[in-house]
Amino acid sequence: MTKLQVRAFLYQLGCFAILFISIQYLLARFTHLTGFWIPFTAFVVGTILSPKFQAAKTKDGEKLFMSWLFIKGIKEIG
């Protein structure tokens, strides 16, 4: 794995973890879900809402790109 691929993996993992923990807390606090349904629902919602990061080789070298549900198109990250 290249350095940018590792960075993309860590960004994606971090964003998912933040969303998963936040959603799990909100579901436990404000809904009547119990047991297995809280983490399962948090996983599904976190997977859908988290941004997707990918390292790709271009003619200018390797670059990091991000795609997200709330942003139109694909954005290049520094």
N, C-alpha and C. Protein backbone atom coordinates (compact mmCIF):
# COMPACT_ATOMS: atom_id res chain seq x y z
N MET A 1 0.84 -1.19 0.00
CA MET A 1 0.00 0.00 0.00
C MET A 1 0.88 1.24 0.00
N THR A 2 0.48 2.21 -0.78
CA THR A 2 1.23 3.45 -0.82
C THR A 2 0.80 4.36 0.31
N LYS A 3 1.55 5.43 0.47
CA LYS A 3 1.27 6.38 1.56
C LYS A 3 -0.12 7.00 1.42
N LEU A 4 -0.53 7.34 0.20
CA LEU A 4 -1.85 7.93 0.00
C LEU A 4 -2.97 6.92 0.20
N GLN A 5 -2.73 5.67 -0.11
CA GLN A 5 -3.74 4.64 0.13
C GLN A 5 -3.97 4.44 1.63
N VAL A 6 -2.89 4.50 2.39
CA VAL A 6 -3.01 4.39 3.84
C VAL A 6 -3.75 5.60 4.39
N ARG A 7 -3.43 6.79 3.89
CA ARG A 7 -4.11 8.00 4.33
C ARG A 7 -5.60 7.94 3.99
N ALA A 8 -5.95 7.46 2.80
CA ALA A 8 -7.35 7.33 2.41
C ALA A 8 -8.08 6.36 3.34
N PHE A 9 -7.43 5.24 3.66
CA PHE A 9 -8.03 4.26 4.57
C PHE A 9 -8.26 4.87 5.95
N LEU A 10 -7.26 5.59 6.46
CA LEU A 10 -7.40 6.19 7.79
C LEU A 10 -8.46 7.28 7.82
N TYR A 11 -8.54 8.10 6.77
CA TYR A 11 -9.60 9.12 6.70
C TYR A 11 -10.97 8.47 6.69
N GLN A 12 -11.13 7.43 5.87
CA GLN A 12 -12.43 6.76 5.78
C GLN A 12 -12.79 6.09 7.10
N LEU A 13 -11.83 5.44 7.73
CA LEU A 13 -12.07 4.80 9.02
C LEU A 13 -12.43 5.82 10.09
N GLY A 14 -11.71 6.94 10.12
CA GLY A 14 -11.99 7.98 11.11
C GLY A 14 -13.36 8.59 10.94
N CYS A 15 -13.72 8.92 9.70
CA CYS A 15 -15.05 9.49 9.45
C CYS A 15 -16.16 8.52 9.81
N PHE A 16 -15.98 7.25 9.44
CA PHE A 16 -16.99 6.26 9.78
C PHE A 16 -17.10 6.09 11.29
N ALA A 17 -15.97 6.04 11.98
CA ALA A 17 -15.99 5.85 13.44
C ALA A 17 -16.70 7.00 14.14
N ILE A 18 -16.43 8.23 13.72
CA ILE A 18 -17.08 9.39 14.32
C ILE A 18 -18.60 9.32 14.11
N LEU A 19 -19.01 9.02 12.88
CA LEU A 19 -20.44 8.92 12.59
C LEU A 19 -21.08 7.74 13.33
N PHE A 20 -20.42 6.60 13.35
CA PHE A 20 -20.97 5.41 14.00
C PHE A 20 -21.19 5.66 15.49
N ILE A 21 -20.20 6.20 16.17
CA ILE A 21 -20.32 6.45 17.62
C ILE A 21 -21.39 7.50 17.90
N SER A 22 -21.41 8.56 17.10
CA SER A 22 -22.41 9.62 17.29
C SER A 22 -23.83 9.09 17.07
N ILE A 23 -24.02 8.37 15.99
CA ILE A 23 -25.35 7.85 15.68
C ILE A 23 -25.77 6.81 16.71
N GLN A 24 -24.84 5.98 17.16
CA GLN A 24 -25.17 4.98 18.17
C GLN A 24 -25.61 5.65 19.47
N TYR A 25 -24.93 6.71 19.86
CA TYR A 25 -25.33 7.44 21.06
C TYR A 25 -26.71 8.06 20.88
N LEU A 26 -26.94 8.70 19.75
CA LEU A 26 -28.24 9.34 19.51
C LEU A 26 -29.38 8.32 19.46
N LEU A 27 -29.12 7.18 18.85
CA LEU A 27 -30.16 6.14 18.80
C LEU A 27 -30.47 5.60 20.19
N ALA A 28 -29.45 5.38 20.99
CA ALA A 28 -29.67 4.86 22.34
C ALA A 28 -30.38 5.87 23.21
N ARG A 29 -30.09 7.13 23.00
CA ARG A 29 -30.64 8.19 23.84
C ARG A 29 -32.07 8.57 23.45
N PHE A 30 -32.37 8.64 22.14
CA PHE A 30 -33.64 9.22 21.69
C PHE A 30 -34.61 8.26 21.01
N THR A 31 -34.26 6.99 20.91
CA THR A 31 -35.21 6.04 20.31
C THR A 31 -35.48 4.91 21.30
N HIS A 32 -36.40 4.07 20.95
CA HIS A 32 -36.75 2.93 21.79
C HIS A 32 -36.10 1.64 21.29
N LEU A 33 -35.07 1.76 20.45
CA LEU A 33 -34.36 0.57 19.98
C LEU A 33 -33.55 -0.02 21.12
N THR A 34 -33.44 -1.34 21.12
CA THR A 34 -32.67 -2.02 22.18
C THR A 34 -31.81 -3.11 21.55
N GLY A 35 -30.82 -3.53 22.30
CA GLY A 35 -30.00 -4.68 21.93
C GLY A 35 -29.24 -4.50 20.64
N PHE A 36 -29.35 -5.50 19.78
CA PHE A 36 -28.63 -5.58 18.52
C PHE A 36 -28.99 -4.47 17.54
N TRP A 37 -30.19 -3.93 17.64
CA TRP A 37 -30.68 -2.97 16.65
C TRP A 37 -29.96 -1.62 16.70
N ILE A 38 -29.46 -1.22 17.85
CA ILE A 38 -28.76 0.06 17.96
C ILE A 38 -27.47 0.05 17.14
N PRO A 39 -26.54 -0.88 17.37
CA PRO A 39 -25.32 -0.85 16.56
C PRO A 39 -25.56 -1.21 15.09
N PHE A 40 -26.53 -2.07 14.80
CA PHE A 40 -26.83 -2.42 13.42
C PHE A 40 -27.33 -1.20 12.64
N THR A 41 -28.27 -0.46 13.22
CA THR A 41 -28.79 0.74 12.57
C THR A 41 -27.71 1.80 12.44
N ALA A 42 -26.88 1.97 13.46
CA ALA A 42 -25.78 2.93 13.41
C ALA A 42 -24.78 2.55 12.32
N PHE A 43 -24.52 1.26 12.14
CA PHE A 43 -23.61 0.80 11.10
C PHE A 43 -24.15 1.13 9.71
N VAL A 44 -25.41 0.84 9.47
CA VAL A 44 -26.02 1.08 8.16
C VAL A 44 -26.04 2.58 7.85
N VAL A 45 -26.49 3.39 8.79
CA VAL A 45 -26.56 4.84 8.57
C VAL A 45 -25.15 5.42 8.42
N GLY A 46 -24.21 4.97 9.24
CA GLY A 46 -22.83 5.45 9.14
C GLY A 46 -22.19 5.09 7.82
N THR A 47 -22.46 3.90 7.32
CA THR A 47 -21.93 3.48 6.03
C THR A 47 -22.49 4.34 4.89
N ILE A 48 -23.75 4.66 4.96
CA ILE A 48 -24.37 5.47 3.90
C ILE A 48 -23.90 6.91 3.96
N LEU A 49 -23.78 7.49 5.15
CA LEU A 49 -23.48 8.91 5.28
C LEU A 49 -21.99 9.26 5.27
N SER A 50 -21.10 8.31 5.50
CA SER A 50 -19.68 8.65 5.58
C SER A 50 -19.11 8.90 4.19
N PRO A 51 -18.16 9.85 4.10
CA PRO A 51 -17.53 10.12 2.81
C PRO A 51 -16.61 8.97 2.39
N LYS A 52 -16.44 8.82 1.09
CA LYS A 52 -15.58 7.77 0.54
C LYS A 52 -14.29 8.41 0.03
N PHE A 53 -13.15 7.88 0.44
CA PHE A 53 -11.85 8.37 0.04
C PHE A 53 -11.16 7.31 -0.80
N GLN A 54 -10.40 7.77 -1.82
CA GLN A 54 -9.68 6.83 -2.67
C GLN A 54 -8.44 7.48 -3.24
N ALA A 55 -7.33 6.74 -3.25
CA ALA A 55 -6.09 7.18 -3.87
C ALA A 55 -6.07 6.62 -5.29
N ALA A 56 -5.78 7.49 -6.26
CA ALA A 56 -5.76 7.05 -7.66
C ALA A 56 -4.52 7.61 -8.35
N LYS A 57 -3.98 6.80 -9.26
CA LYS A 57 -2.82 7.24 -10.03
C LYS A 57 -3.31 8.02 -11.24
N THR A 58 -2.80 9.22 -11.42
CA THR A 58 -3.10 10.05 -12.58
C THR A 58 -1.81 10.32 -13.32
N LYS A 59 -1.89 11.02 -14.44
CA LYS A 59 -0.67 11.33 -15.18
C LYS A 59 0.21 12.33 -14.43
N ASP A 60 -0.37 13.04 -13.45
CA ASP A 60 0.40 13.98 -12.63
C ASP A 60 0.95 13.32 -11.37
N GLY A 61 0.72 12.04 -11.19
CA GLY A 61 1.15 11.32 -9.99
C GLY A 61 -0.06 10.80 -9.24
N GLU A 62 0.18 10.28 -8.05
CA GLU A 62 -0.91 9.74 -7.25
C GLU A 62 -1.61 10.86 -6.49
N LYS A 63 -2.94 10.83 -6.50
CA LYS A 63 -3.74 11.87 -5.83
C LYS A 63 -4.82 11.23 -4.99
N LEU A 64 -5.30 12.00 -4.02
CA LEU A 64 -6.34 11.54 -3.11
C LEU A 64 -7.66 12.22 -3.48
N PHE A 65 -8.72 11.43 -3.64
CA PHE A 65 -10.03 11.95 -4.03
C PHE A 65 -11.06 11.57 -2.98
N MET A 66 -12.12 12.42 -2.89
CA MET A 66 -13.20 12.19 -1.94
C MET A 66 -14.54 12.33 -2.64
N SER A 67 -15.45 11.44 -2.32
CA SER A 67 -16.83 11.49 -2.81
C SER A 67 -17.74 11.43 -1.59
N TRP A 68 -18.77 12.28 -1.58
CA TRP A 68 -19.67 12.31 -0.44
C TRP A 68 -21.08 12.55 -0.91
N LEU A 69 -22.03 12.05 -0.19
CA LEU A 69 -23.44 12.17 -0.53
C LEU A 69 -23.88 13.63 -0.59
N PHE A 70 -23.32 14.48 0.26
CA PHE A 70 -23.76 15.87 0.36
C PHE A 70 -22.96 16.84 -0.51
N ILE A 71 -21.98 16.34 -1.24
CA ILE A 71 -21.19 17.17 -2.14
C ILE A 71 -21.34 16.63 -3.55
N LYS A 72 -21.64 17.50 -4.49
CA LYS A 72 -21.83 17.07 -5.86
C LYS A 72 -20.48 16.80 -6.52
N GLY A 73 -20.33 15.64 -7.09
CA GLY A 73 -19.11 15.29 -7.80
C GLY A 73 -18.01 14.75 -6.90
N ILE A 74 -16.83 14.63 -7.49
CA ILE A 74 -15.66 14.10 -6.79
C ILE A 74 -14.69 15.25 -6.56
N LYS A 75 -14.19 15.36 -5.35
CA LYS A 75 -13.27 16.45 -5.00
C LYS A 75 -11.87 15.89 -4.78
N GLU A 76 -10.88 16.65 -5.23
CA GLU A 76 -9.49 16.28 -5.00
C GLU A 76 -9.04 16.85 -3.65
N ILE A 77 -8.41 15.99 -2.85
CA ILE A 77 -7.91 16.42 -1.54
C ILE A 77 -6.42 16.66 -1.68
N GLY A 78 -5.95 17.82 -1.23
CA GLY A 78 -4.55 18.24 -1.25
C GLY A 78 -3.57 17.26 -1.53
